[in-house]
N, C-alpha and C. Protein backbone atom coordinates (compact mmCIF):
# COMPACT_ATOMS: atom_id res chain seq x y z
N PRO A 1 247.65 3.37 -138.62
CA PRO A 1 247.34 2.33 -137.79
C PRO A 1 245.29 2.59 -138.75
N PRO A 2 245.23 1.55 -138.43
CA PRO A 2 243.44 1.75 -139.11
C PRO A 2 243.36 2.11 -136.87
N GLU A 3 243.96 0.80 -135.87
CA GLU A 3 243.18 1.04 -135.17
C GLU A 3 243.99 2.91 -134.21
N GLY A 4 242.52 3.19 -133.18
CA GLY A 4 242.77 4.51 -132.96
C GLY A 4 242.63 5.71 -133.50
N ILE A 5 242.37 5.59 -134.82
CA ILE A 5 242.16 6.80 -135.34
C ILE A 5 240.27 6.99 -135.52
N SER A 6 239.83 8.70 -135.08
CA SER A 6 238.99 8.59 -134.46
C SER A 6 238.15 9.07 -136.08
N LYS A 7 236.63 8.37 -136.03
CA LYS A 7 235.83 8.17 -137.31
C LYS A 7 235.70 9.59 -138.33
N HIS A 8 236.43 10.76 -137.36
CA HIS A 8 236.34 12.01 -138.14
C HIS A 8 237.50 12.06 -138.37
N ASP A 9 239.11 11.38 -137.94
CA ASP A 9 240.04 11.45 -138.86
C ASP A 9 240.16 11.05 -140.17
N TRP A 10 240.62 11.48 -141.27
CA TRP A 10 241.08 10.60 -142.30
C TRP A 10 242.12 10.82 -143.12
N VAL A 11 242.62 10.16 -143.90
CA VAL A 11 243.58 10.07 -144.92
C VAL A 11 243.37 10.59 -145.97
N LEU A 12 244.29 11.15 -146.66
CA LEU A 12 243.86 11.69 -147.85
C LEU A 12 245.42 11.09 -148.69
N TYR A 13 244.87 10.08 -149.49
CA TYR A 13 245.79 8.61 -150.19
C TYR A 13 246.28 10.07 -151.35
N LEU A 14 247.69 9.96 -152.14
CA LEU A 14 248.56 10.67 -152.55
C LEU A 14 248.69 10.19 -154.27
N ASN A 15 248.20 10.74 -155.04
CA ASN A 15 249.33 10.12 -156.12
C ASN A 15 250.97 10.83 -156.46
N ASN A 16 252.01 9.66 -157.04
CA ASN A 16 253.02 9.37 -157.98
C ASN A 16 253.19 11.13 -157.20
N GLU A 17 253.05 12.08 -158.24
CA GLU A 17 252.85 13.42 -158.02
C GLU A 17 252.70 14.19 -157.08
N GLN A 18 252.78 13.86 -156.39
CA GLN A 18 252.15 14.95 -155.15
C GLN A 18 252.59 13.89 -153.90
N ILE A 19 253.16 12.37 -153.92
CA ILE A 19 254.28 12.12 -152.78
C ILE A 19 255.62 12.67 -153.26
N LYS A 20 255.83 13.28 -154.61
CA LYS A 20 256.87 13.26 -154.75
C LYS A 20 256.63 15.41 -154.26
N MET A 21 255.89 16.27 -154.39
CA MET A 21 256.31 17.73 -153.62
C MET A 21 256.39 17.07 -152.47
N VAL A 22 255.24 16.40 -151.97
CA VAL A 22 255.16 16.30 -150.03
C VAL A 22 256.83 15.85 -149.85
N ARG A 23 257.09 15.11 -150.11
CA ARG A 23 258.55 14.75 -149.54
C ARG A 23 259.48 15.40 -149.81
N LYS A 24 259.01 16.41 -151.28
CA LYS A 24 260.44 17.17 -151.20
C LYS A 24 260.52 18.26 -150.35
N TYR A 25 259.11 19.29 -150.07
CA TYR A 25 258.53 20.45 -149.74
C TYR A 25 259.58 19.58 -147.94
N TYR A 26 258.89 18.42 -147.47
CA TYR A 26 259.36 18.14 -146.16
C TYR A 26 260.71 16.81 -145.80
N LYS A 27 260.90 17.55 -146.65
CA LYS A 27 262.29 16.46 -146.89
C LYS A 27 262.94 15.46 -145.75
N ILE A 28 261.08 14.47 -146.50
CA ILE A 28 261.21 13.06 -145.98
C ILE A 28 261.86 11.83 -146.93
N LYS A 29 262.43 11.29 -146.23
CA LYS A 29 263.41 10.34 -146.91
C LYS A 29 262.48 8.85 -147.17
N ASP A 30 261.68 8.53 -145.90
CA ASP A 30 260.82 7.44 -145.80
C ASP A 30 259.73 7.58 -146.73
N ARG A 31 258.83 6.61 -147.65
CA ARG A 31 258.16 5.75 -148.23
C ARG A 31 256.62 6.14 -147.61
N ILE A 32 256.25 7.25 -147.88
CA ILE A 32 254.40 7.90 -147.73
C ILE A 32 253.86 7.11 -148.85
N SER A 33 252.53 7.08 -148.53
CA SER A 33 251.10 6.98 -149.58
C SER A 33 250.03 7.84 -149.33
N GLY A 34 249.76 8.93 -147.74
CA GLY A 34 249.28 9.46 -147.46
C GLY A 34 249.02 10.34 -146.61
N ILE A 35 248.49 11.69 -145.61
CA ILE A 35 248.92 12.39 -145.25
C ILE A 35 247.68 11.86 -144.19
N ASN A 36 247.50 12.28 -142.97
CA ASN A 36 247.10 11.72 -142.47
C ASN A 36 245.97 13.14 -141.56
N ILE A 37 245.13 13.45 -141.82
CA ILE A 37 244.49 14.62 -141.78
C ILE A 37 242.88 14.35 -140.69
N THR A 38 243.12 15.32 -139.52
CA THR A 38 242.41 15.13 -138.76
C THR A 38 241.23 16.56 -138.27
N ALA A 39 240.21 16.42 -137.91
CA ALA A 39 239.31 17.31 -137.58
C ALA A 39 239.98 18.83 -137.52
N GLU A 40 240.23 18.47 -135.56
CA GLU A 40 242.22 19.37 -135.08
C GLU A 40 242.18 20.06 -136.31
N LEU A 41 242.54 19.94 -137.35
CA LEU A 41 244.26 20.10 -138.64
C LEU A 41 242.76 20.85 -139.05
N ILE A 42 241.70 20.69 -139.87
CA ILE A 42 240.78 21.35 -140.18
C ILE A 42 240.31 22.42 -139.28
N LYS A 43 239.72 22.36 -137.84
CA LYS A 43 239.53 23.31 -137.34
C LYS A 43 240.47 24.88 -136.94
N LYS A 44 241.63 24.27 -136.74
CA LYS A 44 242.91 25.43 -136.48
C LYS A 44 243.20 26.10 -138.37
N GLY A 45 242.93 25.30 -139.10
CA GLY A 45 242.95 26.20 -140.73
C GLY A 45 244.16 25.47 -141.30
N ASP A 46 244.81 24.39 -140.18
CA ASP A 46 246.35 24.51 -140.92
C ASP A 46 246.07 23.31 -143.14
N VAL A 47 244.94 22.97 -142.03
CA VAL A 47 244.00 22.17 -143.79
C VAL A 47 242.94 23.28 -144.31
N ALA A 48 242.91 23.58 -145.41
CA ALA A 48 241.48 24.38 -145.43
C ALA A 48 241.14 24.04 -147.47
N PHE A 49 239.12 23.44 -147.09
CA PHE A 49 238.98 23.37 -148.27
C PHE A 49 237.78 25.12 -148.33
N ARG A 50 237.87 24.89 -149.94
CA ARG A 50 236.95 26.32 -150.07
C ARG A 50 235.22 25.29 -150.28
N ASP A 51 234.25 26.16 -150.33
CA ASP A 51 233.29 25.67 -150.68
C ASP A 51 232.84 26.53 -151.93
N ASN A 52 232.50 25.16 -152.75
CA ASN A 52 232.03 25.27 -154.25
C ASN A 52 232.05 24.44 -155.20
N ILE A 53 231.06 24.67 -156.32
CA ILE A 53 230.67 23.69 -156.63
C ILE A 53 231.57 24.01 -158.48
N LEU A 54 231.62 22.49 -159.08
CA LEU A 54 232.82 22.51 -160.00
C LEU A 54 231.58 21.94 -161.18
N LYS A 55 231.51 22.10 -162.31
CA LYS A 55 230.99 21.33 -163.16
C LYS A 55 231.94 21.00 -163.94
N LEU A 56 232.05 19.53 -164.28
CA LEU A 56 233.66 19.40 -164.62
C LEU A 56 232.96 18.66 -165.85
N LYS A 57 233.54 18.67 -167.53
CA LYS A 57 232.53 18.33 -168.64
C LYS A 57 233.45 16.31 -168.61
N LEU A 58 233.05 15.56 -169.13
CA LEU A 58 233.32 14.36 -168.55
C LEU A 58 233.99 13.44 -170.40
N GLU A 59 235.13 12.73 -169.47
CA GLU A 59 235.65 12.14 -170.52
C GLU A 59 234.28 10.91 -171.36
N LYS A 60 234.94 10.12 -172.58
CA LYS A 60 233.34 9.28 -172.57
C LYS A 60 233.66 8.29 -171.52
N TRP A 61 234.98 7.96 -171.31
CA TRP A 61 235.62 6.46 -170.30
C TRP A 61 235.06 7.03 -169.31
N GLN A 62 235.04 8.19 -168.49
CA GLN A 62 234.58 8.45 -167.47
C GLN A 62 232.81 8.36 -167.31
N ALA A 63 232.45 9.54 -168.32
CA ALA A 63 230.91 8.46 -169.00
C ALA A 63 230.64 7.39 -168.45
N ARG A 64 231.09 6.22 -169.38
CA ARG A 64 230.62 5.01 -169.23
C ARG A 64 230.85 4.92 -167.47
N MET A 65 231.84 4.54 -166.81
CA MET A 65 232.40 4.51 -165.44
C MET A 65 230.92 4.46 -164.92
N ALA A 66 230.74 6.47 -165.27
CA ALA A 66 229.51 7.12 -163.97
C ALA A 66 228.01 5.59 -164.72
N MET A 67 227.63 5.42 -166.43
CA MET A 67 226.54 4.50 -166.08
C MET A 67 226.35 3.45 -165.90
N ASP A 68 227.78 2.82 -165.97
CA ASP A 68 227.70 2.02 -165.09
C ASP A 68 227.22 1.43 -163.47
N ASN A 69 228.26 2.76 -162.48
CA ASN A 69 228.19 2.83 -161.88
C ASN A 69 227.29 3.42 -160.86
N ILE A 70 226.19 4.38 -161.72
CA ILE A 70 224.89 5.04 -161.06
C ILE A 70 223.86 4.08 -161.95
N GLU A 71 224.14 3.49 -162.85
CA GLU A 71 222.88 2.72 -163.20
C GLU A 71 221.54 3.85 -163.73
N ARG A 72 222.31 4.61 -164.49
CA ARG A 72 221.47 6.02 -165.58
C ARG A 72 221.92 4.90 -167.08
N LYS A 73 220.77 4.94 -168.06
CA LYS A 73 220.58 4.78 -169.02
C LYS A 73 221.26 5.41 -170.16
N ARG A 74 221.59 6.85 -170.40
CA ARG A 74 221.58 7.58 -170.67
C ARG A 74 223.03 7.92 -170.44
N SER A 75 223.97 8.69 -171.37
CA SER A 75 226.09 8.57 -171.20
C SER A 75 225.52 10.24 -170.63
N PRO A 76 226.32 10.52 -169.17
CA PRO A 76 225.85 11.92 -168.82
C PRO A 76 226.95 13.09 -169.76
N LYS A 77 227.12 13.75 -169.56
CA LYS A 77 228.06 14.75 -170.11
C LYS A 77 228.81 15.75 -169.33
N TYR A 78 228.42 15.83 -168.65
CA TYR A 78 228.14 16.54 -167.06
C TYR A 78 228.50 16.27 -166.17
N MET A 79 229.22 16.95 -165.16
CA MET A 79 229.03 16.08 -163.65
C MET A 79 229.67 18.10 -162.76
N LEU A 80 228.37 17.47 -161.63
CA LEU A 80 228.97 19.09 -160.86
C LEU A 80 228.46 18.41 -160.03
N VAL A 81 230.04 18.55 -158.90
CA VAL A 81 231.48 18.48 -157.55
C VAL A 81 230.26 19.50 -156.82
N ARG A 82 230.15 19.27 -155.22
CA ARG A 82 229.76 20.06 -154.19
C ARG A 82 231.51 20.17 -153.60
N SER A 83 231.88 21.23 -153.30
CA SER A 83 233.35 21.27 -152.31
C SER A 83 233.21 20.26 -150.98
N ASP A 84 231.68 20.06 -150.57
CA ASP A 84 231.25 18.97 -149.39
C ASP A 84 231.85 17.54 -149.44
N VAL A 85 232.32 17.74 -150.90
CA VAL A 85 233.00 16.43 -151.44
C VAL A 85 233.81 16.03 -151.22
N ILE A 86 234.80 16.81 -151.41
CA ILE A 86 236.31 17.05 -150.91
C ILE A 86 236.29 17.17 -149.39
N LYS A 87 235.85 18.39 -149.22
CA LYS A 87 235.43 18.32 -147.04
C LYS A 87 234.97 17.31 -146.74
N CYS A 88 234.13 16.38 -146.77
CA CYS A 88 233.47 15.61 -146.11
C CYS A 88 234.75 14.80 -145.97
N PRO A 89 234.39 14.22 -144.97
CA PRO A 89 235.79 12.86 -144.64
C PRO A 89 235.60 11.51 -145.73
N ALA A 90 234.30 11.75 -145.66
CA ALA A 90 233.70 10.41 -146.65
C ALA A 90 234.55 9.89 -147.66
N SER A 91 234.77 11.36 -148.46
CA SER A 91 235.14 11.18 -149.83
C SER A 91 236.58 10.61 -150.28
N TYR A 92 237.06 10.33 -149.35
CA TYR A 92 238.39 9.08 -149.16
C TYR A 92 238.69 9.19 -148.45
N LYS A 93 238.32 8.72 -147.60
CA LYS A 93 238.42 7.30 -146.74
C LYS A 93 237.93 6.26 -147.01
N ILE A 94 238.95 4.92 -147.60
CA ILE A 94 238.69 4.54 -147.82
C ILE A 94 238.59 2.84 -147.04
N PRO A 95 237.88 2.36 -145.95
CA PRO A 95 237.40 1.37 -145.24
C PRO A 95 238.55 0.27 -145.25
N VAL A 96 239.46 -0.11 -143.81
CA VAL A 96 240.14 -1.24 -144.26
C VAL A 96 239.74 -1.96 -144.81
N GLU A 97 238.40 -3.18 -145.07
CA GLU A 97 237.60 -3.81 -145.77
C GLU A 97 238.10 -3.90 -147.43
N GLY A 98 237.62 -2.50 -147.07
CA GLY A 98 237.21 -2.40 -149.21
C GLY A 98 236.39 -1.17 -149.00
N LEU A 99 236.53 -0.90 -150.22
CA LEU A 99 234.99 0.03 -150.52
C LEU A 99 234.02 -0.90 -150.47
N SER A 100 232.84 0.03 -150.08
CA SER A 100 231.76 -0.74 -150.67
C SER A 100 230.95 -1.34 -152.31
N ARG A 101 230.38 -1.82 -152.35
CA ARG A 101 229.99 -2.28 -153.82
C ARG A 101 229.62 -1.54 -154.16
N LYS A 102 228.57 -0.16 -154.02
CA LYS A 102 228.07 0.77 -154.52
C LYS A 102 228.64 1.68 -153.77
N ASP A 103 230.32 2.03 -153.80
CA ASP A 103 231.37 3.43 -153.80
C ASP A 103 231.52 2.94 -154.77
N TRP A 104 232.56 3.89 -155.57
CA TRP A 104 233.58 3.96 -156.67
C TRP A 104 234.28 5.41 -156.74
N LEU A 105 235.42 4.61 -157.31
CA LEU A 105 236.65 5.76 -157.89
C LEU A 105 236.35 7.00 -159.07
N MET A 106 236.12 7.88 -159.10
CA MET A 106 236.39 8.45 -160.72
C MET A 106 237.77 9.44 -160.70
N TYR A 107 238.37 8.98 -161.90
CA TYR A 107 239.72 9.23 -161.28
C TYR A 107 239.59 10.00 -162.58
N LEU A 108 240.64 11.20 -162.25
CA LEU A 108 240.51 12.81 -163.24
C LEU A 108 241.61 12.63 -164.16
N THR A 109 240.89 12.76 -165.31
CA THR A 109 242.28 13.13 -166.20
C THR A 109 243.58 14.94 -165.52
N SER A 110 244.85 14.87 -166.00
CA SER A 110 245.39 15.95 -165.54
C SER A 110 244.66 16.92 -165.74
N GLU A 111 243.66 17.51 -166.98
CA GLU A 111 243.39 18.85 -167.25
C GLU A 111 242.27 18.65 -165.85
N GLN A 112 241.33 17.54 -165.84
CA GLN A 112 240.69 17.77 -164.82
C GLN A 112 240.77 18.01 -163.18
N MET A 113 242.10 17.46 -162.17
CA MET A 113 243.16 17.27 -161.32
C MET A 113 243.00 19.52 -161.72
N ASP A 114 244.04 19.88 -162.57
CA ASP A 114 244.37 21.82 -162.48
C ASP A 114 242.83 21.78 -161.84
N LEU A 115 241.89 21.77 -163.19
CA LEU A 115 240.07 22.45 -162.69
C LEU A 115 239.56 21.90 -161.20
N PHE A 116 239.93 20.80 -160.06
CA PHE A 116 239.27 20.94 -159.03
C PHE A 116 240.64 21.76 -158.07
N GLN A 117 242.13 21.52 -158.45
CA GLN A 117 242.55 22.38 -157.66
C GLN A 117 242.40 23.82 -157.37
N GLU A 118 241.77 24.16 -159.20
CA GLU A 118 241.66 25.96 -158.95
C GLU A 118 240.87 26.57 -157.71
N ALA A 119 239.48 25.81 -158.49
CA ALA A 119 238.23 25.25 -158.50
C ALA A 119 237.75 25.77 -156.87
N PHE A 120 238.65 24.67 -156.09
CA PHE A 120 238.51 24.57 -155.05
C PHE A 120 239.31 25.74 -153.66
N GLY A 121 239.99 25.55 -154.41
CA GLY A 121 241.72 26.35 -153.58
C GLY A 121 242.68 25.01 -152.64
N LEU A 122 242.68 24.28 -153.96
CA LEU A 122 243.57 23.04 -152.86
C LEU A 122 245.03 23.62 -153.26
N LYS A 123 245.46 23.20 -151.95
CA LYS A 123 246.86 23.47 -152.95
C LYS A 123 247.81 22.59 -152.83
N GLU A 124 246.80 21.70 -153.01
CA GLU A 124 247.81 20.30 -154.27
C GLU A 124 246.77 19.38 -155.03
N PRO A 125 246.69 19.15 -156.03
CA PRO A 125 246.03 18.24 -157.28
C PRO A 125 245.74 17.33 -156.53
N ILE A 126 243.71 16.84 -156.68
CA ILE A 126 243.59 15.29 -156.73
C ILE A 126 243.55 15.08 -157.57
N SER A 127 243.47 13.08 -157.54
CA SER A 127 243.83 12.02 -158.82
C SER A 127 242.38 11.88 -159.30
N SER A 128 241.48 11.30 -158.30
CA SER A 128 240.25 10.85 -157.91
C SER A 128 239.02 11.78 -157.14
N LEU A 129 238.34 10.59 -157.07
CA LEU A 129 236.99 11.07 -156.55
C LEU A 129 236.62 9.86 -155.92
N ASN A 130 235.73 9.32 -154.48
CA ASN A 130 234.96 8.45 -153.92
C ASN A 130 234.25 8.80 -154.47
N ILE A 131 233.33 8.27 -155.45
CA ILE A 131 231.38 8.60 -155.65
C ILE A 131 230.63 7.11 -154.25
N THR A 132 229.88 8.02 -153.63
CA THR A 132 228.80 7.05 -152.69
C THR A 132 227.57 7.21 -153.30
N ASP A 133 226.97 6.76 -153.00
CA ASP A 133 225.19 6.30 -153.26
C ASP A 133 225.20 7.68 -151.67
N THR A 134 225.30 8.27 -151.08
CA THR A 134 225.10 9.32 -150.21
C THR A 134 225.21 10.88 -150.70
N HIS A 135 226.48 11.25 -151.46
CA HIS A 135 227.38 12.22 -152.31
C HIS A 135 226.03 11.80 -153.23
N ILE A 136 225.30 10.95 -153.84
CA ILE A 136 224.62 11.31 -155.01
C ILE A 136 222.74 11.72 -154.46
N ASP A 137 222.63 10.89 -154.00
CA ASP A 137 221.13 11.12 -153.12
C ASP A 137 221.43 12.45 -152.02
N ASN A 138 222.74 13.00 -151.72
CA ASN A 138 222.78 14.62 -151.35
C ASN A 138 223.00 15.45 -152.33
N LYS A 139 222.80 15.25 -153.48
CA LYS A 139 223.59 15.99 -154.65
C LYS A 139 224.77 16.68 -154.27
N GLU A 140 225.96 15.83 -153.85
CA GLU A 140 227.16 17.10 -153.82
C GLU A 140 227.75 16.27 -154.91
N VAL A 141 227.29 15.14 -155.65
CA VAL A 141 227.91 14.59 -157.24
C VAL A 141 226.43 14.94 -158.29
N VAL A 142 226.24 15.24 -159.11
CA VAL A 142 225.34 15.14 -160.09
C VAL A 142 225.82 15.19 -161.30
N PHE A 143 225.39 14.05 -162.10
CA PHE A 143 225.76 13.83 -163.14
C PHE A 143 224.59 14.46 -163.97
N MET A 144 224.72 14.76 -165.63
CA MET A 144 224.47 15.34 -166.03
C MET A 144 224.25 15.33 -167.62
């Protein structure tokens, strides 16, 4: 529930494949959509992300999304992503009222999901990134 969740705690939303893996591994019969991640879990090392930078070649449709959302005139070919985007709660935290008009989701292809998983040492793949103005201003996400 949104009530009582610390601003440092967040929900890692899962894609269908991830949901199946989690339910199978933990023998969960109930339906789930995400995993509650807390600062305590990260502090204890139960959840860990590695610091790294990934240079990702963009598909044409992803480049168009970037152009539309960051008001760029030229189509970017690559996206550099710092691990802070993965590690930062804001990268997956979706406000109860919805995303800000300036925030948007960059959906990843299956191949890109594998690259993120390998580059950042993630236990499971991710299906999208929540791109915010702050990520771009802090150069945590760079379009080239």
